[in-house]
Amino acid sequence: MADRNAKSLRSEKAVRAVRPGSLFLDRRVFLIATLGTGMIGAAKAEVRLITIEGIGTARLHPAQNPRAVMAVVPGFGCAARRYDWMAALNRHGVTVVIPELADIDGLKGMQHLFEHLRRYGLPLYLAGHSAGGSMLLDALESDPSRNDRITRPSDYAPPQDVQGVVVMGASLQPQLLTILLPYRQEDTPLTRPAHTRVMFISGTHDTIATPRRVDKTIARYGEPSEHVVLEGANHYGFVEGHEPTDNAASGLEGAIDGSLQRQAVLDHLVRFLGV
């Protein structure tokens, strides 16, 4: 059940969630997340290796009494097993599917992923980290004029049955590899299905998808988004066993431990999913 005590600060294009017990530091960006749910320390959930037609290998964490299904798209170079921590959602009735990003052939592969998820007959949610999060935003883009041979299949249509999307450490602001794509330009409006809720999660110590870059992406949408900014979170804390643990050596002094970051993400996921 969604937390009825959760508060939010609303602006024209973004909703930034404030969890009970959080300290609001700055009216525009900074939040300190509540870290007390204790989900990560539990025993590992069941995992099955499955094959998704048109994609390849994926890790399936089935819930005993499923109420929803969520696919998690990894970041570039990150193995699917690094996101097994999200299987903690099983206890809330969420079946979790984690395909290998290397096996996904762009939006053609995403279409196969959507077809697979529909077979569960459950409300459908998506989550993605870094490149995986950007891929999800590309998949939701609903302007058919942006279908072309370079960026999208000519017959591509965004899914209309996705209830919600969680974008972790990702934005669509221009970078070296994307600046030539028309819909990745700084001021180009972005679109998505109006009924699909989107929550962005960024960290104050993320130097790739900074909260400011995420805010700029949110401002390009006509539909409101929720933006959760985690104080001390970095780009790698979303990846179990891959985040820098020696903050002094990595130049990330002040960053929180990755396990705390993932704990906070799970807390917000449970609230967002309403489970």
C-alpha atoms as a PDB file:
ATOM      1  CA  MET A   1       0.000   0.000   0.000  1.00  0.00           C
ATOM      2  CA  ALA A   2       1.365   3.419  -0.937  1.00  0.00           C
ATOM      3  CA  ASP A   3       2.679   5.524   1.912  1.00  0.00           C
ATOM      4  CA  ARG A   4      -0.090   8.012   2.693  1.00  0.00           C
ATOM      5  CA  ASN A   5       2.297  10.243   4.614  1.00  0.00           C
ATOM      6  CA  ALA A   6       4.614  10.888   1.674  1.00  0.00           C
ATOM      7  CA  LYS A   7       4.822  14.580   0.814  1.00  0.00           C
ATOM      8  CA  SER A   8       5.876  16.226  -2.419  1.00  0.00           C
ATOM      9  CA  LEU A   9       7.045  19.580  -3.697  1.00  0.00           C
ATOM     10  CA  ARG A  10       5.405  20.432  -7.006  1.00  0.00           C
ATOM     11  CA  SER A  11       6.758  22.675  -9.736  1.00  0.00           C
ATOM     12  CA  GLU A  12       5.486  23.254 -13.281  1.00  0.00           C
ATOM     13  CA  LYS A  13       7.145  20.198 -14.812  1.00  0.00           C
ATOM     14  CA  ALA A  14       8.488  18.105 -11.910  1.00  0.00           C
ATOM     15  CA  VAL A  15       7.428  16.562  -8.636  1.00  0.00           C
ATOM     16  CA  ARG A  16      10.259  15.916  -6.188  1.00  0.00           C
ATOM     17  CA  ALA A  17       9.365  13.386  -3.500  1.00  0.00           C
ATOM     18  CA  VAL A  18      10.151  14.019   0.152  1.00  0.00           C
ATOM     19  CA  ARG A  19      10.004  10.910   2.308  1.00  0.00           C
ATOM     20  CA  PRO A  20       8.856  11.086   5.945  1.00  0.00           C
ATOM     21  CA  GLY A  21      11.856  11.889   8.120  1.00  0.00           C
ATOM     22  CA  SER A  22      13.769  13.432   5.245  1.00  0.00           C
ATOM     23  CA  LEU A  23      15.609  16.732   5.541  1.00  0.00           C
ATOM     24  CA  PHE A  24      14.865  19.157   2.718  1.00  0.00           C
ATOM     25  CA  LEU A  25      18.082  21.080   2.131  1.00  0.00           C
ATOM     26  CA  ASP A  26      17.391  23.205  -0.924  1.00  0.00           C
ATOM     27  CA  ARG A  27      14.042  24.178  -2.467  1.00  0.00           C
ATOM     28  CA  ARG A  28      15.189  23.140  -5.948  1.00  0.00           C
ATOM     29  CA  VAL A  29      17.267  19.995  -5.744  1.00  0.00           C
ATOM     30  CA  PHE A  30      18.584  18.292  -2.641  1.00  0.00           C
ATOM     31  CA  LEU A  31      16.919  15.553  -0.619  1.00  0.00           C
ATOM     32  CA  ILE A  32      18.140  13.155   2.039  1.00  0.00           C
ATOM     33  CA  ALA A  33      16.359   9.809   1.653  1.00  0.00           C
ATOM     34  CA  THR A  34      14.977   7.732   4.485  1.00  0.00           C
ATOM     35  CA  LEU A  35      17.138   4.613   4.792  1.00  0.00           C
ATOM     36  CA  GLY A  36      15.297   2.543   7.358  1.00  0.00           C
ATOM     37  CA  THR A  37      13.348  -0.136   5.485  1.00  0.00           C
ATOM     38  CA  GLY A  38      15.970  -2.893   5.901  1.00  0.00           C
ATOM     39  CA  MET A  39      15.147  -4.714   2.665  1.00  0.00           C
ATOM     40  CA  ILE A  40      18.626  -5.319   1.271  1.00  0.00           C
ATOM     41  CA  GLY A  41      19.905  -7.378   4.187  1.00  0.00           C
ATOM     42  CA  ALA A  42      17.363 -10.149   3.579  1.00  0.00           C
ATOM     43  CA  ALA A  43      18.193 -13.538   2.106  1.00  0.00           C
ATOM     44  CA  LYS A  44      18.608 -13.740  -1.660  1.00  0.00           C
ATOM     45  CA  ALA A  45      15.404 -14.452  -3.548  1.00  0.00           C
ATOM     46  CA  GLU A  46      14.971 -17.289  -6.026  1.00  0.00           C
ATOM     47  CA  VAL A  47      16.520 -16.624  -9.435  1.00  0.00           C
ATOM     48  CA  ARG A  48      15.955 -18.489 -12.683  1.00  0.00           C
ATOM     49  CA  LEU A  49      17.831 -18.089 -15.948  1.00  0.00           C
ATOM     50  CA  ILE A  50      15.385 -17.747 -18.821  1.00  0.00           C
ATOM     51  CA  THR A  51      15.604 -17.013 -22.535  1.00  0.00           C
ATOM     52  CA  ILE A  52      13.544 -14.193 -23.999  1.00  0.00           C
ATOM     53  CA  GLU A  53      12.816 -14.660 -27.671  1.00  0.00           C
ATOM     54  CA  GLY A  54      14.489 -11.959 -29.745  1.00  0.00           C
ATOM     55  CA  ILE A  55      16.781 -10.907 -26.884  1.00  0.00           C
ATOM     56  CA  GLY A  56      18.569 -13.779 -25.164  1.00  0.00           C
ATOM     57  CA  THR A  57      19.430 -14.492 -21.543  1.00  0.00           C
ATOM     58  CA  ALA A  58      17.601 -12.861 -18.635  1.00  0.00           C
ATOM     59  CA  ARG A  59      17.377 -13.373 -14.879  1.00  0.00           C
ATOM     60  CA  LEU A  60      13.906 -14.012 -13.496  1.00  0.00           C
ATOM     61  CA  HIS A  61      13.062 -13.392  -9.831  1.00  0.00           C
ATOM     62  CA  PRO A  62       9.450 -14.623  -9.465  1.00  0.00           C
ATOM     63  CA  ALA A  63       7.227 -13.396  -6.666  1.00  0.00           C
ATOM     64  CA  GLN A  64       5.132 -16.037  -4.883  1.00  0.00           C
ATOM     65  CA  ASN A  65       1.927 -14.017  -5.139  1.00  0.00           C
ATOM     66  CA  PRO A  66       2.667 -11.615  -8.004  1.00  0.00           C
ATOM     67  CA  ARG A  67       0.796  -8.342  -8.283  1.00  0.00           C
ATOM     68  CA  ALA A  68       3.024  -6.682 -10.887  1.00  0.00           C
ATOM     69  CA  VAL A  69       6.041  -7.394 -13.094  1.00  0.00           C
ATOM     70  CA  MET A  70       9.043  -5.084 -13.511  1.00  0.00           C
ATOM     71  CA  ALA A  71      11.827  -5.357 -16.074  1.00  0.00           C
ATOM     72  CA  VAL A  72      15.198  -3.866 -15.107  1.00  0.00           C
ATOM     73  CA  VAL A  73      17.462  -2.754 -17.970  1.00  0.00           C
ATOM     74  CA  PRO A  74      21.136  -2.608 -16.844  1.00  0.00           C
ATOM     75  CA  GLY A  75      23.607   0.157 -17.462  1.00  0.00           C
ATOM     76  CA  PHE A  76      26.273  -0.104 -20.178  1.00  0.00           C
ATOM     77  CA  GLY A  77      28.881  -2.736 -19.316  1.00  0.00           C
ATOM     78  CA  CYS A  78      26.988  -3.879 -16.206  1.00  0.00           C
ATOM     79  CA  ALA A  79      25.980  -7.546 -15.905  1.00  0.00           C
ATOM     80  CA  ALA A  80      22.347  -8.324 -15.112  1.00  0.00           C
ATOM     81  CA  ARG A  81      23.346 -10.063 -11.867  1.00  0.00           C
ATOM     82  CA  ARG A  82      24.546  -6.710 -10.504  1.00  0.00           C
ATOM     83  CA  TYR A  83      20.893  -5.695 -10.210  1.00  0.00           C
ATOM     84  CA  ASP A  84      19.693  -8.792  -8.333  1.00  0.00           C
ATOM     85  CA  TRP A  85      19.254  -6.538  -5.288  1.00  0.00           C
ATOM     86  CA  MET A  86      15.990  -5.370  -6.854  1.00  0.00           C
ATOM     87  CA  ALA A  87      14.604  -8.860  -6.223  1.00  0.00           C
ATOM     88  CA  ALA A  88      13.803  -7.530  -2.740  1.00  0.00           C
ATOM     89  CA  LEU A  89      10.617  -6.324  -4.452  1.00  0.00           C
ATOM     90  CA  ASN A  90       9.485  -9.974  -4.580  1.00  0.00           C
ATOM     91  CA  ARG A  91       8.245  -9.762  -1.013  1.00  0.00           C
ATOM     92  CA  HIS A  92       5.918  -6.968  -2.148  1.00  0.00           C
ATOM     93  CA  GLY A  93       4.463  -9.105  -4.937  1.00  0.00           C
ATOM     94  CA  VAL A  94       6.623  -7.776  -7.786  1.00  0.00           C
ATOM     95  CA  THR A  95       8.184 -10.280 -10.203  1.00  0.00           C
ATOM     96  CA  VAL A  96      11.514  -8.918 -11.484  1.00  0.00           C
ATOM     97  CA  VAL A  97      13.005  -9.667 -14.932  1.00  0.00           C
ATOM     98  CA  ILE A  98      16.580  -8.526 -15.680  1.00  0.00           C
ATOM     99  CA  PRO A  99      17.794  -9.027 -19.275  1.00  0.00           C
ATOM    100  CA  GLU A 100      21.430  -8.597 -20.262  1.00  0.00           C
ATOM    101  CA  LEU A 101      21.801  -5.168 -21.880  1.00  0.00           C
ATOM    102  CA  ALA A 102      24.400  -6.576 -24.314  1.00  0.00           C
ATOM    103  CA  ASP A 103      21.682  -8.869 -25.709  1.00  0.00           C
ATOM    104  CA  ILE A 104      19.171  -6.092 -26.411  1.00  0.00           C
ATOM    105  CA  ASP A 105      19.168  -4.898 -30.012  1.00  0.00           C
ATOM    106  CA  GLY A 106      18.031  -1.344 -29.406  1.00  0.00           C
ATOM    107  CA  LEU A 107      14.322  -0.639 -29.682  1.00  0.00           C
ATOM    108  CA  LYS A 108      13.752  -3.807 -31.705  1.00  0.00           C
ATOM    109  CA  GLY A 109      14.928  -5.728 -28.667  1.00  0.00           C
ATOM    110  CA  MET A 110      12.775  -3.595 -26.400  1.00  0.00           C
ATOM    111  CA  GLN A 111       9.724  -4.604 -28.431  1.00  0.00           C
ATOM    112  CA  HIS A 112      10.564  -8.261 -27.748  1.00  0.00           C
ATOM    113  CA  LEU A 113      10.965  -7.443 -24.047  1.00  0.00           C
ATOM    114  CA  PHE A 114       7.513  -5.831 -23.906  1.00  0.00           C
ATOM    115  CA  GLU A 115       5.968  -8.860 -25.631  1.00  0.00           C
ATOM    116  CA  HIS A 116       7.567 -11.160 -23.055  1.00  0.00           C
ATOM    117  CA  LEU A 117       6.367  -9.074 -20.090  1.00  0.00           C
ATOM    118  CA  ARG A 118       2.770  -9.081 -21.335  1.00  0.00           C
ATOM    119  CA  ARG A 119       2.685 -12.871 -21.001  1.00  0.00           C
ATOM    120  CA  TYR A 120       2.650 -12.531 -17.211  1.00  0.00           C
ATOM    121  CA  GLY A 121      -0.769 -10.875 -17.357  1.00  0.00           C
ATOM    122  CA  LEU A 122       0.245  -8.375 -14.658  1.00  0.00           C
ATOM    123  CA  PRO A 123       0.559  -4.571 -14.439  1.00  0.00           C
ATOM    124  CA  LEU A 124       3.778  -3.730 -16.274  1.00  0.00           C
ATOM    125  CA  TYR A 125       6.590  -1.539 -14.932  1.00  0.00           C
ATOM    126  CA  LEU A 126      10.082  -0.741 -16.216  1.00  0.00           C
ATOM    127  CA  ALA A 127      13.293   0.397 -14.552  1.00  0.00           C
ATOM    128  CA  GLY A 128      16.628   1.265 -16.116  1.00  0.00           C
ATOM    129  CA  HIS A 129      20.023   2.461 -14.956  1.00  0.00           C
ATOM    130  CA  SER A 130      22.300   4.795 -16.934  1.00  0.00           C
ATOM    131  CA  ALA A 131      22.231   3.672 -20.603  1.00  0.00           C
ATOM    132  CA  GLY A 132      19.354   1.357 -19.703  1.00  0.00           C
ATOM    133  CA  GLY A 133      17.359   4.300 -18.358  1.00  0.00           C
ATOM    134  CA  SER A 134      18.046   6.351 -21.481  1.00  0.00           C
ATOM    135  CA  MET A 135      16.928   3.406 -23.605  1.00  0.00           C
ATOM    136  CA  LEU A 136      13.625   3.307 -21.738  1.00  0.00           C
ATOM    137  CA  LEU A 137      13.043   7.009 -22.368  1.00  0.00           C
ATOM    138  CA  ASP A 138      13.776   6.402 -26.057  1.00  0.00           C
ATOM    139  CA  ALA A 139      11.296   3.510 -26.024  1.00  0.00           C
ATOM    140  CA  LEU A 140       8.571   5.752 -24.575  1.00  0.00           C
ATOM    141  CA  GLU A 141       9.074   8.565 -27.105  1.00  0.00           C
ATOM    142  CA  SER A 142       5.678   8.857 -28.774  1.00  0.00           C
ATOM    143  CA  ASP A 143       6.344  11.299 -31.616  1.00  0.00           C
ATOM    144  CA  PRO A 144       6.228   9.172 -34.813  1.00  0.00           C
ATOM    145  CA  SER A 145       8.156  11.827 -36.726  1.00  0.00           C
ATOM    146  CA  ARG A 146      11.245  10.752 -34.796  1.00  0.00           C
ATOM    147  CA  ASN A 147      11.223   7.262 -36.278  1.00  0.00           C
ATOM    148  CA  ASP A 148      14.080   7.049 -38.746  1.00  0.00           C
ATOM    149  CA  ARG A 149      16.716   4.588 -39.878  1.00  0.00           C
ATOM    150  CA  ILE A 150      19.373   5.943 -37.496  1.00  0.00           C
ATOM    151  CA  THR A 151      17.552   6.084 -34.182  1.00  0.00           C
ATOM    152  CA  ARG A 152      14.319   4.046 -34.334  1.00  0.00           C
ATOM    153  CA  PRO A 153      12.685   1.367 -36.519  1.00  0.00           C
ATOM    154  CA  SER A 154      10.386   2.994 -39.064  1.00  0.00           C
ATOM    155  CA  ASP A 155       7.371   1.084 -37.725  1.00  0.00           C
ATOM    156  CA  TYR A 156       8.162   1.546 -34.046  1.00  0.00           C
ATOM    157  CA  ALA A 157       5.322   2.470 -31.697  1.00  0.00           C
ATOM    158  CA  PRO A 158       5.812   3.071 -27.946  1.00  0.00           C
ATOM    159  CA  PRO A 159       4.081   0.691 -25.525  1.00  0.00           C
ATOM    160  CA  GLN A 160       0.740   1.956 -24.254  1.00  0.00           C
ATOM    161  CA  ASP A 161       0.369  -0.535 -21.400  1.00  0.00           C
ATOM    162  CA  VAL A 162       3.312   0.480 -19.201  1.00  0.00           C
ATOM    163  CA  GLN A 163       2.054   1.706 -15.828  1.00  0.00           C
ATOM    164  CA  GLY A 164       5.284   3.301 -14.634  1.00  0.00           C
ATOM    165  CA  VAL A 165       8.972   3.768 -15.430  1.00  0.00           C
ATOM    166  CA  VAL A 166      11.885   4.351 -13.035  1.00  0.00           C
ATOM    167  CA  VAL A 167      14.961   6.030 -14.525  1.00  0.00           C
ATOM    168  CA  MET A 168      18.080   5.735 -12.353  1.00  0.00           C
ATOM    169  CA  GLY A 169      21.156   7.841 -13.090  1.00  0.00           C
ATOM    170  CA  ALA A 170      20.130   8.782 -16.626  1.00  0.00           C
ATOM    171  CA  SER A 171      18.979  11.776 -18.660  1.00  0.00           C
ATOM    172  CA  LEU A 172      18.510  12.647 -22.330  1.00  0.00           C
ATOM    173  CA  GLN A 173      20.700  15.728 -22.320  1.00  0.00           C
ATOM    174  CA  PRO A 174      23.146  15.854 -25.279  1.00  0.00           C
ATOM    175  CA  GLN A 175      26.439  14.003 -24.903  1.00  0.00           C
ATOM    176  CA  LEU A 176      29.226  13.230 -27.367  1.00  0.00           C
ATOM    177  CA  LEU A 177      27.549  10.106 -28.753  1.00  0.00           C
ATOM    178  CA  THR A 178      24.034  11.536 -28.900  1.00  0.00           C
ATOM    179  CA  ILE A 179      24.425  15.169 -29.900  1.00  0.00           C
ATOM    180  CA  LEU A 180      23.772  14.378 -33.588  1.00  0.00           C
ATOM    181  CA  LEU A 181      20.428  12.719 -32.933  1.00  0.00           C
ATOM    182  CA  PRO A 182      17.602  15.226 -33.562  1.00  0.00           C
ATOM    183  CA  TYR A 183      15.490  14.417 -30.494  1.00  0.00           C
ATOM    184  CA  ARG A 184      18.538  14.517 -28.198  1.00  0.00           C
ATOM    185  CA  GLN A 185      19.117  18.232 -28.733  1.00  0.00           C
ATOM    186  CA  GLU A 186      19.070  20.438 -25.640  1.00  0.00           C
ATOM    187  CA  ASP A 187      15.785  22.263 -26.316  1.00  0.00           C
ATOM    188  CA  THR A 188      13.840  19.673 -28.330  1.00  0.00           C
ATOM    189  CA  PRO A 189      10.541  18.764 -26.607  1.00  0.00           C
ATOM    190  CA  LEU A 190      10.148  15.149 -25.525  1.00  0.00           C
ATOM    191  CA  THR A 191       6.938  13.139 -25.421  1.00  0.00           C
ATOM    192  CA  ARG A 192       5.676   9.935 -23.827  1.00  0.00           C
ATOM    193  CA  PRO A 193       2.291   8.296 -23.220  1.00  0.00           C
ATOM    194  CA  ALA A 194       0.397  10.640 -20.903  1.00  0.00           C
ATOM    195  CA  HIS A 195      -0.814   7.842 -18.612  1.00  0.00           C
ATOM    196  CA  THR A 196       2.690   6.395 -17.980  1.00  0.00           C
ATOM    197  CA  ARG A 197       4.088   7.652 -14.665  1.00  0.00           C
ATOM    198  CA  VAL A 198       7.841   8.309 -14.578  1.00  0.00           C
ATOM    199  CA  MET A 199      10.153   8.643 -11.590  1.00  0.00           C
ATOM    200  CA  PHE A 200      13.726   9.864 -12.067  1.00  0.00           C
ATOM    201  CA  ILE A 201      16.274   9.022  -9.359  1.00  0.00           C
ATOM    202  CA  SER A 202      19.572  10.903  -9.327  1.00  0.00           C
ATOM    203  CA  GLY A 203      22.375  11.481  -6.828  1.00  0.00           C
ATOM    204  CA  THR A 204      24.211  14.582  -5.691  1.00  0.00           C
ATOM    205  CA  HIS A 205      27.534  12.760  -6.328  1.00  0.00           C
ATOM    206  CA  ASP A 206      26.623  11.481  -9.792  1.00  0.00           C
ATOM    207  CA  THR A 207      28.920  13.237 -12.272  1.00  0.00           C
ATOM    208  CA  ILE A 208      27.263  11.653 -15.348  1.00  0.00           C
ATOM    209  CA  ALA A 209      23.523  12.159 -14.825  1.00  0.00           C
ATOM    210  CA  THR A 210      23.694  15.108 -12.454  1.00  0.00           C
ATOM    211  CA  PRO A 211      20.462  16.324 -10.818  1.00  0.00           C
ATOM    212  CA  ARG A 212      20.723  19.457 -12.981  1.00  0.00           C
ATOM    213  CA  ARG A 213      20.879  17.410 -16.199  1.00  0.00           C
ATOM    214  CA  VAL A 214      17.936  15.331 -15.058  1.00  0.00           C
ATOM    215  CA  ASP A 215      15.949  18.482 -14.254  1.00  0.00           C
ATOM    216  CA  LYS A 216      16.610  19.749 -17.784  1.00  0.00           C
ATOM    217  CA  THR A 217      15.321  16.503 -19.259  1.00  0.00           C
ATOM    218  CA  ILE A 218      12.185  16.657 -17.103  1.00  0.00           C
ATOM    219  CA  ALA A 219      11.545  20.239 -18.239  1.00  0.00           C
ATOM    220  CA  ARG A 220      11.363  19.036 -21.860  1.00  0.00           C
ATOM    221  CA  TYR A 221       8.301  16.904 -21.178  1.00  0.00           C
ATOM    222  CA  GLY A 222       4.743  18.172 -21.255  1.00  0.00           C
ATOM    223  CA  GLU A 223       3.756  15.543 -18.696  1.00  0.00           C
ATOM    224  CA  PRO A 224       4.930  15.890 -15.072  1.00  0.00           C
ATOM    225  CA  SER A 225       7.618  13.606 -13.677  1.00  0.00           C
ATOM    226  CA  GLU A 226       8.760  12.777 -10.183  1.00  0.00           C
ATOM    227  CA  HIS A 227      12.404  13.520  -9.378  1.00  0.00           C
ATOM    228  CA  VAL A 228      14.024  11.977  -6.305  1.00  0.00           C
ATOM    229  CA  VAL A 229      17.510  13.310  -5.540  1.00  0.00           C
ATOM    230  CA  LEU A 230      19.528  11.220  -3.076  1.00  0.00           C
ATOM    231  CA  GLU A 231      22.086  13.103  -1.006  1.00  0.00           C
ATOM    232  CA  GLY A 232      25.515  11.448  -1.376  1.00  0.00           C
ATOM    233  CA  ALA A 233      24.410   8.946  -4.050  1.00  0.00           C
ATOM    234  CA  ASN A 234      26.744   8.354  -7.017  1.00  0.00           C
ATOM    235  CA  HIS A 235      26.402   6.822 -10.473  1.00  0.00           C
ATOM    236  CA  TYR A 236      27.796   3.441  -9.459  1.00  0.00           C
ATOM    237  CA  GLY A 237      25.832   2.863  -6.267  1.00  0.00           C
ATOM    238  CA  PHE A 238      22.940   1.496  -8.333  1.00  0.00           C
ATOM    239  CA  VAL A 239      25.164  -1.463  -9.297  1.00  0.00           C
ATOM    240  CA  GLU A 240      25.836  -4.026  -6.578  1.00  0.00           C
ATOM    241  CA  GLY A 241      29.512  -4.961  -6.329  1.00  0.00           C
ATOM    242  CA  HIS A 242      30.496  -2.418  -8.973  1.00  0.00           C
ATOM    243  CA  GLU A 243      30.369   0.890  -7.102  1.00  0.00           C
ATOM    244  CA  PRO A 244      33.590   2.508  -5.832  1.00  0.00           C
ATOM    245  CA  THR A 245      33.883   1.650  -2.145  1.00  0.00           C
ATOM    246  CA  ASP A 246      36.991   3.666  -1.352  1.00  0.00           C
ATOM    247  CA  ASN A 247      35.548   7.154  -1.568  1.00  0.00           C
ATOM    248  CA  ALA A 248      38.851   8.885  -0.878  1.00  0.00           C
ATOM    249  CA  ALA A 249      40.630   6.984  -3.656  1.00  0.00           C
ATOM    250  CA  SER A 250      37.792   7.514  -6.133  1.00  0.00           C
ATOM    251  CA  GLY A 251      37.477  11.215  -5.460  1.00  0.00           C
ATOM    252  CA  LEU A 252      33.942  10.748  -4.113  1.00  0.00           C
ATOM    253  CA  GLU A 253      34.459  11.998  -0.575  1.00  0.00           C
ATOM    254  CA  GLY A 254      31.108  12.395   1.083  1.00  0.00           C
ATOM    255  CA  ALA A 255      29.377   9.787  -1.052  1.00  0.00           C
ATOM    256  CA  ILE A 256      27.223   7.298   0.820  1.00  0.00           C
ATOM    257  CA  ASP A 257      27.926   3.576   0.727  1.00  0.00           C
ATOM    258  CA  GLY A 258      26.350   1.792  -2.236  1.00  0.00           C
ATOM    259  CA  SER A 259      24.251  -0.455   0.004  1.00  0.00           C
ATOM    260  CA  LEU A 260      22.632   2.605   1.587  1.00  0.00           C
ATOM    261  CA  GLN A 261      21.971   4.069  -1.837  1.00  0.00           C
ATOM    262  CA  ARG A 262      20.264   0.892  -3.026  1.00  0.00           C
ATOM    263  CA  GLN A 263      18.296   0.738   0.222  1.00  0.00           C
ATOM    264  CA  ALA A 264      16.933   4.229  -0.446  1.00  0.00           C
ATOM    265  CA  VAL A 265      16.080   3.332  -4.048  1.00  0.00           C
ATOM    266  CA  LEU A 266      14.077   0.300  -2.892  1.00  0.00           C
ATOM    267  CA  ASP A 267      12.214   2.469  -0.406  1.00  0.00           C
ATOM    268  CA  HIS A 268      11.153   4.842  -3.175  1.00  0.00           C
ATOM    269  CA  LEU A 269      10.319   1.976  -5.543  1.00  0.00           C
ATOM    270  CA  VAL A 270       7.873   0.466  -3.048  1.00  0.00           C
ATOM    271  CA  ARG A 271       6.208   3.864  -2.665  1.00  0.00           C
ATOM    272  CA  PHE A 272       6.124   4.489  -6.420  1.00  0.00           C
ATOM    273  CA  LEU A 273       4.662   1.067  -7.202  1.00  0.00           C
ATOM    274  CA  GLY A 274       2.127   1.365  -4.402  1.00  0.00           C
ATOM    275  CA  VAL A 275       2.826  -2.189  -3.211  1.00  0.00           C
END
